[in-house]
C-alpha atoms as a PDB file:
ATOM      1  CA  MET A   1     153.123-223.762  71.130  1.00  0.00           C
ATOM      2  CA  LYS A   2     152.643-227.057  69.396  1.00  0.00           C
ATOM      3  CA  THR A   3     149.403-227.957  67.691  1.00  0.00           C
ATOM      4  CA  LEU A   4     147.266-230.430  69.665  1.00  0.00           C
ATOM      5  CA  THR A   5     146.890-233.784  68.015  1.00  0.00           C
ATOM      6  CA  SER A   6     143.540-235.421  67.408  1.00  0.00           C
ATOM      7  CA  SER A   7     144.308-237.967  70.115  1.00  0.00           C
ATOM      8  CA  LEU A   8     144.461-235.190  72.677  1.00  0.00           C
ATOM      9  CA  LEU A   9     141.414-233.229  71.370  1.00  0.00           C
ATOM     10  CA  LEU A  10     139.079-236.203  71.317  1.00  0.00           C
ATOM     11  CA  PRO A  11     138.942-236.682  75.131  1.00  0.00           C
ATOM     12  CA  LEU A  12     138.312-232.963  75.613  1.00  0.00           C
ATOM     13  CA  VAL A  13     135.400-232.862  73.179  1.00  0.00           C
ATOM     14  CA  TRP A  14     133.944-236.047  74.587  1.00  0.00           C
ATOM     15  CA  GLY A  15     134.122-234.661  78.107  1.00  0.00           C
ATOM     16  CA  ALA A  16     132.281-231.524  77.089  1.00  0.00           C
ATOM     17  CA  LEU A  17     129.507-233.544  75.486  1.00  0.00           C
ATOM     18  CA  VAL A  18     129.114-235.670  78.592  1.00  0.00           C
ATOM     19  CA  SER A  19     128.878-232.580  80.788  1.00  0.00           C
ATOM     20  CA  MET A  20     126.139-231.101  78.565  1.00  0.00           C
ATOM     21  CA  SER A  21     124.128-234.323  78.673  1.00  0.00           C
ATOM     22  CA  GLN A  22     124.286-234.344  82.465  1.00  0.00           C
ATOM     23  CA  GLY A  23     123.032-230.743  82.803  1.00  0.00           C
ATOM     24  CA  GLN A  24     126.342-229.399  83.919  1.00  0.00           C
ATOM     25  CA  ILE A  25     126.538-226.588  81.439  1.00  0.00           C
ATOM     26  CA  GLU A  26     128.531-223.735  82.816  1.00  0.00           C
ATOM     27  CA  ALA A  27     127.399-220.178  82.350  1.00  0.00           C
ATOM     28  CA  VAL A  28     128.702-218.661  79.184  1.00  0.00           C
ATOM     29  CA  PRO A  29     130.841-215.643  79.875  1.00  0.00           C
ATOM     30  CA  SER A  30     129.021-212.383  79.318  1.00  0.00           C
ATOM     31  CA  SER A  31     131.586-211.380  76.748  1.00  0.00           C
ATOM     32  CA  LEU A  32     130.514-214.354  74.616  1.00  0.00           C
ATOM     33  CA  GLN A  33     126.746-213.925  74.995  1.00  0.00           C
ATOM     34  CA  ALA A  34     124.700-212.476  72.125  1.00  0.00           C
ATOM     35  CA  PRO A  35     123.824-208.862  72.778  1.00  0.00           C
ATOM     36  CA  ALA A  36     120.260-208.414  74.044  1.00  0.00           C
ATOM     37  CA  GLU A  37     117.802-206.594  71.812  1.00  0.00           C
ATOM     38  CA  ALA A  38     118.083-202.900  72.491  1.00  0.00           C
ATOM     39  CA  ALA A  39     115.047-201.429  74.202  1.00  0.00           C
ATOM     40  CA  SER A  40     112.940-199.258  71.974  1.00  0.00           C
ATOM     41  CA  PRO A  41     113.737-195.651  72.716  1.00  0.00           C
ATOM     42  CA  ALA A  42     110.961-193.467  74.179  1.00  0.00           C
ATOM     43  CA  SER A  43     109.083-191.395  71.622  1.00  0.00           C
ATOM     44  CA  ASP A  44     110.497-187.925  71.216  1.00  0.00           C
ATOM     45  CA  PRO A  45     107.768-185.268  71.585  1.00  0.00           C
ATOM     46  CA  ASP A  46     109.717-183.019  69.240  1.00  0.00           C
ATOM     47  CA  LEU A  47     109.502-185.550  66.407  1.00  0.00           C
ATOM     48  CA  PRO A  48     106.341-185.974  64.288  1.00  0.00           C
ATOM     49  CA  SER A  49     104.179-188.902  65.309  1.00  0.00           C
ATOM     50  CA  ALA A  50     103.252-191.710  62.964  1.00  0.00           C
ATOM     51  CA  LEU A  51     100.352-191.023  60.583  1.00  0.00           C
ATOM     52  CA  ASP A  52      97.013-192.315  61.812  1.00  0.00           C
ATOM     53  CA  PRO A  53      94.851-193.352  58.811  1.00  0.00           C
ATOM     54  CA  ALA A  54      91.721-192.650  60.865  1.00  0.00           C
ATOM     55  CA  THR A  55      92.465-188.933  60.728  1.00  0.00           C
ATOM     56  CA  LEU A  56      92.051-188.990  56.942  1.00  0.00           C
ATOM     57  CA  GLN A  57      88.621-190.598  57.003  1.00  0.00           C
ATOM     58  CA  GLU A  58      86.715-187.308  57.000  1.00  0.00           C
ATOM     59  CA  MET A  59      88.839-185.930  54.170  1.00  0.00           C
ATOM     60  CA  VAL A  60      88.279-189.074  52.094  1.00  0.00           C
ATOM     61  CA  GLN A  61      84.516-188.994  52.640  1.00  0.00           C
ATOM     62  CA  ALA A  62      84.224-185.237  51.961  1.00  0.00           C
ATOM     63  CA  SER A  63      87.149-184.287  49.798  1.00  0.00           C
ATOM     64  CA  PRO A  64      87.894-180.540  49.754  1.00  0.00           C
ATOM     65  CA  PHE A  65      88.485-180.859  46.009  1.00  0.00           C
ATOM     66  CA  THR A  66      84.880-181.907  45.369  1.00  0.00           C
ATOM     67  CA  ARG A  67      83.249-179.629  47.942  1.00  0.00           C
ATOM     68  CA  ALA A  68      81.147-176.661  46.832  1.00  0.00           C
ATOM     69  CA  VAL A  69      83.264-173.524  46.933  1.00  0.00           C
ATOM     70  CA  ASN A  70      80.242-171.232  47.175  1.00  0.00           C
ATOM     71  CA  PRO A  71      78.206-171.924  50.343  1.00  0.00           C
ATOM     72  CA  SER A  72      74.993-171.006  48.537  1.00  0.00           C
ATOM     73  CA  ASP A  73      75.421-173.910  46.088  1.00  0.00           C
ATOM     74  CA  SER A  74      73.924-176.312  48.628  1.00  0.00           C
ATOM     75  CA  LEU A  75      71.439-173.882  50.217  1.00  0.00           C
ATOM     76  CA  ILE A  76      67.843-173.408  49.073  1.00  0.00           C
ATOM     77  CA  LEU A  77      65.365-170.779  50.185  1.00  0.00           C
ATOM     78  CA  THR A  78      62.178-172.498  51.358  1.00  0.00           C
ATOM     79  CA  GLY A  79      60.195-169.639  52.848  1.00  0.00           C
ATOM     80  CA  ILE A  80      60.066-165.991  53.903  1.00  0.00           C
ATOM     81  CA  ALA A  81      57.887-164.580  56.657  1.00  0.00           C
ATOM     82  CA  PHE A  82      57.661-161.313  58.565  1.00  0.00           C
ATOM     83  CA  ILE A  83      57.300-161.384  62.339  1.00  0.00           C
ATOM     84  CA  ASP A  84      56.580-158.015  63.913  1.00  0.00           C
ATOM     85  CA  GLY A  85      57.616-156.457  60.622  1.00  0.00           C
ATOM     86  CA  LYS A  86      61.022-158.167  60.631  1.00  0.00           C
ATOM     87  CA  PRO A  87      61.946-160.758  57.991  1.00  0.00           C
ATOM     88  CA  VAL A  88      62.628-164.387  58.852  1.00  0.00           C
ATOM     89  CA  ALA A  89      63.772-166.924  56.254  1.00  0.00           C
ATOM     90  CA  THR A  90      63.887-170.709  56.275  1.00  0.00           C
ATOM     91  CA  ILE A  91      66.811-172.254  54.405  1.00  0.00           C
ATOM     92  CA  PHE A  92      67.388-175.913  53.572  1.00  0.00           C
ATOM     93  CA  ASP A  93      70.875-177.404  53.234  1.00  0.00           C
ATOM     94  CA  THR A  94      70.662-180.080  50.530  1.00  0.00           C
ATOM     95  CA  GLU A  95      74.098-181.446  51.415  1.00  0.00           C
ATOM     96  CA  LYS A  96      73.484-181.977  55.133  1.00  0.00           C
ATOM     97  CA  LYS A  97      69.698-182.392  54.819  1.00  0.00           C
ATOM     98  CA  GLN A  98      69.090-179.776  57.514  1.00  0.00           C
ATOM     99  CA  SER A  99      66.690-176.840  57.723  1.00  0.00           C
ATOM    100  CA  HIS A 100      67.805-173.531  59.251  1.00  0.00           C
ATOM    101  CA  ILE A 101      65.999-170.386  60.384  1.00  0.00           C
ATOM    102  CA  VAL A 102      67.764-167.107  59.659  1.00  0.00           C
ATOM    103  CA  SER A 103      66.839-163.637  60.894  1.00  0.00           C
ATOM    104  CA  GLU A 104      68.479-160.283  61.475  1.00  0.00           C
ATOM    105  CA  LYS A 105      70.036-161.763  64.620  1.00  0.00           C
ATOM    106  CA  ALA A 106      72.788-164.358  64.264  1.00  0.00           C
ATOM    107  CA  ASN A 107      71.591-167.945  64.666  1.00  0.00           C
ATOM    108  CA  PHE A 108      73.629-170.679  66.359  1.00  0.00           C
ATOM    109  CA  GLN A 109      75.755-170.971  63.209  1.00  0.00           C
ATOM    110  CA  GLY A 110      76.441-167.260  63.067  1.00  0.00           C
ATOM    111  CA  TRP A 111      74.323-166.724  59.929  1.00  0.00           C
ATOM    112  CA  ILE A 112      72.686-163.302  59.659  1.00  0.00           C
ATOM    113  CA  LEU A 113      69.886-162.315  57.296  1.00  0.00           C
ATOM    114  CA  GLN A 114      71.034-159.180  55.492  1.00  0.00           C
ATOM    115  CA  GLU A 115      68.177-158.697  53.050  1.00  0.00           C
ATOM    116  CA  ALA A 116      64.884-160.405  52.193  1.00  0.00           C
ATOM    117  CA  MET A 117      63.106-159.970  48.867  1.00  0.00           C
ATOM    118  CA  PRO A 118      59.825-161.910  48.919  1.00  0.00           C
ATOM    119  CA  ALA A 119      57.721-162.400  45.832  1.00  0.00           C
ATOM    120  CA  ALA A 120      54.239-163.619  45.035  1.00  0.00           C
ATOM    121  CA  ASP A 121      55.927-166.445  43.154  1.00  0.00           C
ATOM    122  CA  MET A 122      58.393-168.248  45.410  1.00  0.00           C
ATOM    123  CA  ARG A 123      60.652-168.993  42.444  1.00  0.00           C
ATOM    124  CA  PHE A 124      61.646-165.343  42.295  1.00  0.00           C
ATOM    125  CA  ALA A 125      62.064-164.731  46.007  1.00  0.00           C
ATOM    126  CA  GLN A 126      65.585-164.135  47.228  1.00  0.00           C
ATOM    127  CA  VAL A 127      67.493-163.518  50.437  1.00  0.00           C
ATOM    128  CA  LYS A 128      71.010-162.376  51.169  1.00  0.00           C
ATOM    129  CA  VAL A 129      72.673-164.052  54.128  1.00  0.00           C
ATOM    130  CA  SER A 130      76.008-163.361  55.776  1.00  0.00           C
ATOM    131  CA  ILE A 131      77.842-166.678  56.202  1.00  0.00           C
ATOM    132  CA  GLY A 132      81.306-166.576  57.675  1.00  0.00           C
ATOM    133  CA  GLY A 133      81.657-162.904  56.806  1.00  0.00           C
ATOM    134  CA  GLU A 134      80.626-163.476  53.176  1.00  0.00           C
ATOM    135  CA  VAL A 135      77.244-162.309  51.881  1.00  0.00           C
ATOM    136  CA  VAL A 136      75.649-164.885  49.567  1.00  0.00           C
ATOM    137  CA  SER A 137      72.382-164.815  47.627  1.00  0.00           C
ATOM    138  CA  ILE A 138      70.011-167.736  48.166  1.00  0.00           C
ATOM    139  CA  ARG A 139      66.956-168.530  46.044  1.00  0.00           C
ATOM    140  CA  TYR A 140      64.255-171.151  45.852  1.00  0.00           C
ATOM    141  CA  ASP A 141      65.141-174.089  43.606  1.00  0.00           C
ATOM    142  CA  LYS A 142      62.082-175.862  42.277  1.00  0.00           C
ATOM    143  CA  ASP A 143      64.039-178.767  40.784  1.00  0.00           C
ATOM    144  CA  ALA A 144      65.985-179.442  43.983  1.00  0.00           C
ATOM    145  CA  MET A 145      62.757-179.486  45.994  1.00  0.00           C
ATOM    146  CA  ALA A 146      60.936-181.828  43.598  1.00  0.00           C
ATOM    147  CA  PRO A 147      59.372-184.791  45.468  1.00  0.00           C
ATOM    148  CA  ASP A 148      61.118-187.361  43.253  1.00  0.00           C
ATOM    149  CA  LYS A 149      64.541-185.872  43.918  1.00  0.00           C
ATOM    150  CA  MET A 150      63.893-185.563  47.642  1.00  0.00           C
ATOM    151  CA  LYS A 151      62.874-189.230  47.798  1.00  0.00           C
ATOM    152  CA  ARG A 152      65.998-190.170  45.852  1.00  0.00           C
ATOM    153  CA  ASP A 153      68.197-188.202  48.201  1.00  0.00           C
ATOM    154  CA  LYS A 154      66.463-189.713  51.201  1.00  0.00           C
ATOM    155  CA  ARG A 155      67.141-193.251  49.970  1.00  0.00           C
ATOM    156  CA  GLN A 156      70.757-192.468  49.165  1.00  0.00           C
ATOM    157  CA  ASP A 157      71.702-190.427  52.230  1.00  0.00           C
ATOM    158  CA  GLY A 158      69.181-191.587  54.788  1.00  0.00           C
ATOM    159  CA  GLY A 159      68.316-187.966  55.526  1.00  0.00           C
ATOM    160  CA  ALA A 160      64.871-186.503  55.921  1.00  0.00           C
ATOM    161  CA  PRO A 161      63.302-183.868  53.672  1.00  0.00           C
ATOM    162  CA  PRO A 162      62.778-180.384  55.070  1.00  0.00           C
ATOM    163  CA  PRO A 163      59.606-179.688  56.994  1.00  0.00           C
ATOM    164  CA  PRO A 164      56.700-178.237  55.017  1.00  0.00           C
ATOM    165  CA  ALA A 165      56.712-174.459  54.799  1.00  0.00           C
ATOM    166  CA  GLY A 166      53.134-173.740  53.807  1.00  0.00           C
ATOM    167  CA  ASP A 167      52.752-171.634  50.700  1.00  0.00           C
ATOM    168  CA  SER A 168      56.438-171.994  49.925  1.00  0.00           C
ATOM    169  CA  PHE A 169      55.827-175.468  48.526  1.00  0.00           C
ATOM    170  CA  ARG A 170      52.801-174.710  46.400  1.00  0.00           C
ATOM    171  CA  LYS A 171      53.469-175.315  42.759  1.00  0.00           C
ATOM    172  CA  PRO A 172      53.760-171.871  41.186  1.00  0.00           C
ATOM    173  CA  SER A 173      51.723-171.247  38.064  1.00  0.00           C
ATOM    174  CA  ARG A 174      53.671-168.329  36.677  1.00  0.00           C
ATOM    175  CA  GLY A 175      56.003-165.649  37.925  1.00  0.00           C
ATOM    176  CA  PRO A 176      57.798-162.448  36.999  1.00  0.00           C
ATOM    177  CA  SER A 177      59.642-162.598  33.742  1.00  0.00           C
ATOM    178  CA  GLU A 178      63.327-161.937  33.319  1.00  0.00           C
ATOM    179  CA  GLU A 179      62.370-158.509  32.032  1.00  0.00           C
ATOM    180  CA  ASP A 180      60.552-157.752  35.299  1.00  0.00           C
ATOM    181  CA  ARG A 181      63.617-158.807  37.241  1.00  0.00           C
ATOM    182  CA  LYS A 182      65.803-156.463  35.204  1.00  0.00           C
ATOM    183  CA  ARG A 183      63.344-153.632  35.800  1.00  0.00           C
ATOM    184  CA  TYR A 184      63.629-154.192  39.524  1.00  0.00           C
ATOM    185  CA  GLU A 185      67.427-154.259  39.399  1.00  0.00           C
ATOM    186  CA  SER A 186      67.440-151.024  37.391  1.00  0.00           C
ATOM    187  CA  LEU A 187      65.728-149.141  40.217  1.00  0.00           C
ATOM    188  CA  SER A 188      67.753-146.877  42.445  1.00  0.00           C
ATOM    189  CA  ASP A 189      68.697-148.118  45.896  1.00  0.00           C
ATOM    190  CA  SER A 190      66.090-145.935  47.557  1.00  0.00           C
ATOM    191  CA  ALA A 191      63.348-147.133  45.190  1.00  0.00           C
ATOM    192  CA  ARG A 192      64.224-150.774  45.757  1.00  0.00           C
ATOM    193  CA  GLU A 193      64.210-150.225  49.502  1.00  0.00           C
ATOM    194  CA  LYS A 194      60.804-148.569  49.239  1.00  0.00           C
ATOM    195  CA  PHE A 195      59.420-151.513  47.296  1.00  0.00           C
ATOM    196  CA  ARG A 196      60.901-153.995  49.780  1.00  0.00           C
ATOM    197  CA  ASN A 197      59.285-152.103  52.652  1.00  0.00           C
ATOM    198  CA  VAL A 198      55.913-152.475  50.952  1.00  0.00           C
ATOM    199  CA  LEU A 199      56.548-156.198  50.542  1.00  0.00           C
ATOM    200  CA  ARG A 200      57.508-156.578  54.199  1.00  0.00           C
ATOM    201  CA  GLU A 201      54.407-154.751  55.321  1.00  0.00           C
ATOM    202  CA  ARG A 202      52.052-156.678  53.063  1.00  0.00           C
ATOM    203  CA  PHE A 203      53.495-160.152  53.596  1.00  0.00           C
ATOM    204  CA  SER A 204      53.399-159.649  57.358  1.00  0.00           C
ATOM    205  CA  ASP A 205      49.616-159.305  57.035  1.00  0.00           C
ATOM    206  CA  PRO A 206      47.907-162.749  57.164  1.00  0.00           C
ATOM    207  CA  LYS A 207      44.992-161.441  55.088  1.00  0.00           C
ATOM    208  CA  PHE A 208      47.328-160.517  52.255  1.00  0.00           C
ATOM    209  CA  ARG A 209      49.174-163.849  52.431  1.00  0.00           C
ATOM    210  CA  ASP A 210      45.894-165.756  52.294  1.00  0.00           C
ATOM    211  CA  ALA A 211      44.503-163.648  49.456  1.00  0.00           C
ATOM    212  CA  PRO A 212      44.216-165.210  45.969  1.00  0.00           C
ATOM    213  CA  GLU A 213      47.446-165.175  44.035  1.00  0.00           C
ATOM    214  CA  GLU A 214      45.920-163.081  41.250  1.00  0.00           C
ATOM    215  CA  ASP A 215      44.983-160.332  43.725  1.00  0.00           C
ATOM    216  CA  ARG A 216      48.445-160.294  45.244  1.00  0.00           C
ATOM    217  CA  ARG A 217      50.042-160.106  41.819  1.00  0.00           C
ATOM    218  CA  ALA A 218      47.815-157.233  40.758  1.00  0.00           C
ATOM    219  CA  PHE A 219      48.641-155.254  43.890  1.00  0.00           C
ATOM    220  CA  LEU A 220      52.400-155.856  43.624  1.00  0.00           C
ATOM    221  CA  LYS A 221      52.399-154.972  39.944  1.00  0.00           C
ATOM    222  CA  SER A 222      50.597-151.676  40.451  1.00  0.00           C
ATOM    223  CA  THR A 223      52.804-150.824  43.440  1.00  0.00           C
ATOM    224  CA  PHE A 224      55.965-151.579  41.509  1.00  0.00           C
ATOM    225  CA  GLU A 225      54.914-149.531  38.493  1.00  0.00           C
ATOM    226  CA  LYS A 226      54.085-146.594  40.747  1.00  0.00           C
ATOM    227  CA  ILE A 227      57.474-146.725  42.487  1.00  0.00           C
ATOM    228  CA  GLU A 228      59.257-147.200  39.165  1.00  0.00           C
ATOM    229  CA  LYS A 229      57.540-144.152  37.680  1.00  0.00           C
ATOM    230  CA  GLU A 230      58.430-142.013  40.703  1.00  0.00           C
ATOM    231  CA  ASP A 231      62.027-143.211  40.535  1.00  0.00           C
ATOM    232  CA  GLN A 232      62.353-142.353  36.852  1.00  0.00           C
ATOM    233  CA  SER A 233      60.870-138.905  37.426  1.00  0.00           C
ATOM    234  CA  SER A 234      63.297-138.148  40.247  1.00  0.00           C
ATOM    235  CA  ARG A 235      66.253-139.078  38.043  1.00  0.00           C
ATOM    236  CA  LYS A 236      65.206-136.650  35.318  1.00  0.00           C
ATOM    237  CA  ARG A 237      65.239-133.712  37.700  1.00  0.00           C
END
């Protein structure tokens, strides 16, 4: 086939331009059309979905790497009482700014009071609570309950301080020494249980709780020394 000369091509091109200007454009064959954008395939339920940054918000705000490993690190004992001879403890969560009541029956969080060891001086009182199957010791923390720190925490977190717990928040004048604590821990299990029973009985009596601190101390000291002496004698037999 011979090549078309420019004299023959010119009328053809000109005719095509005239047809376009008059709106007589013929449909382009489908084989020459640009392929349409492929529809996005439906998401496959077997494939992992895209990461939603909102799901990481809680982890960023409360990182597991900075969280207290021991639950008792953020818990403070604020009071111990005996109702019908059974111990009841109030515990304050400094992290969540919430107060909880714990007894021998599980509360709504599943916490169970395993042991209560009241003292004339709240600084040396102690409870053992089962939290998530783990038994932790919780004590009163004078520094954490200081008014200045509570006000600071309230401004920073917007939380409210724990409700007053009566004698639990009285500033203690003095308390058992470390030596007294060691003497208590050196008692046999039966002797310690006997001493705790005396404490439960006495602190469940409003007259004893309202008695002067010096009188309560004198009674507890004499009771402890008596139980300690009996315990030592039984061990020598």
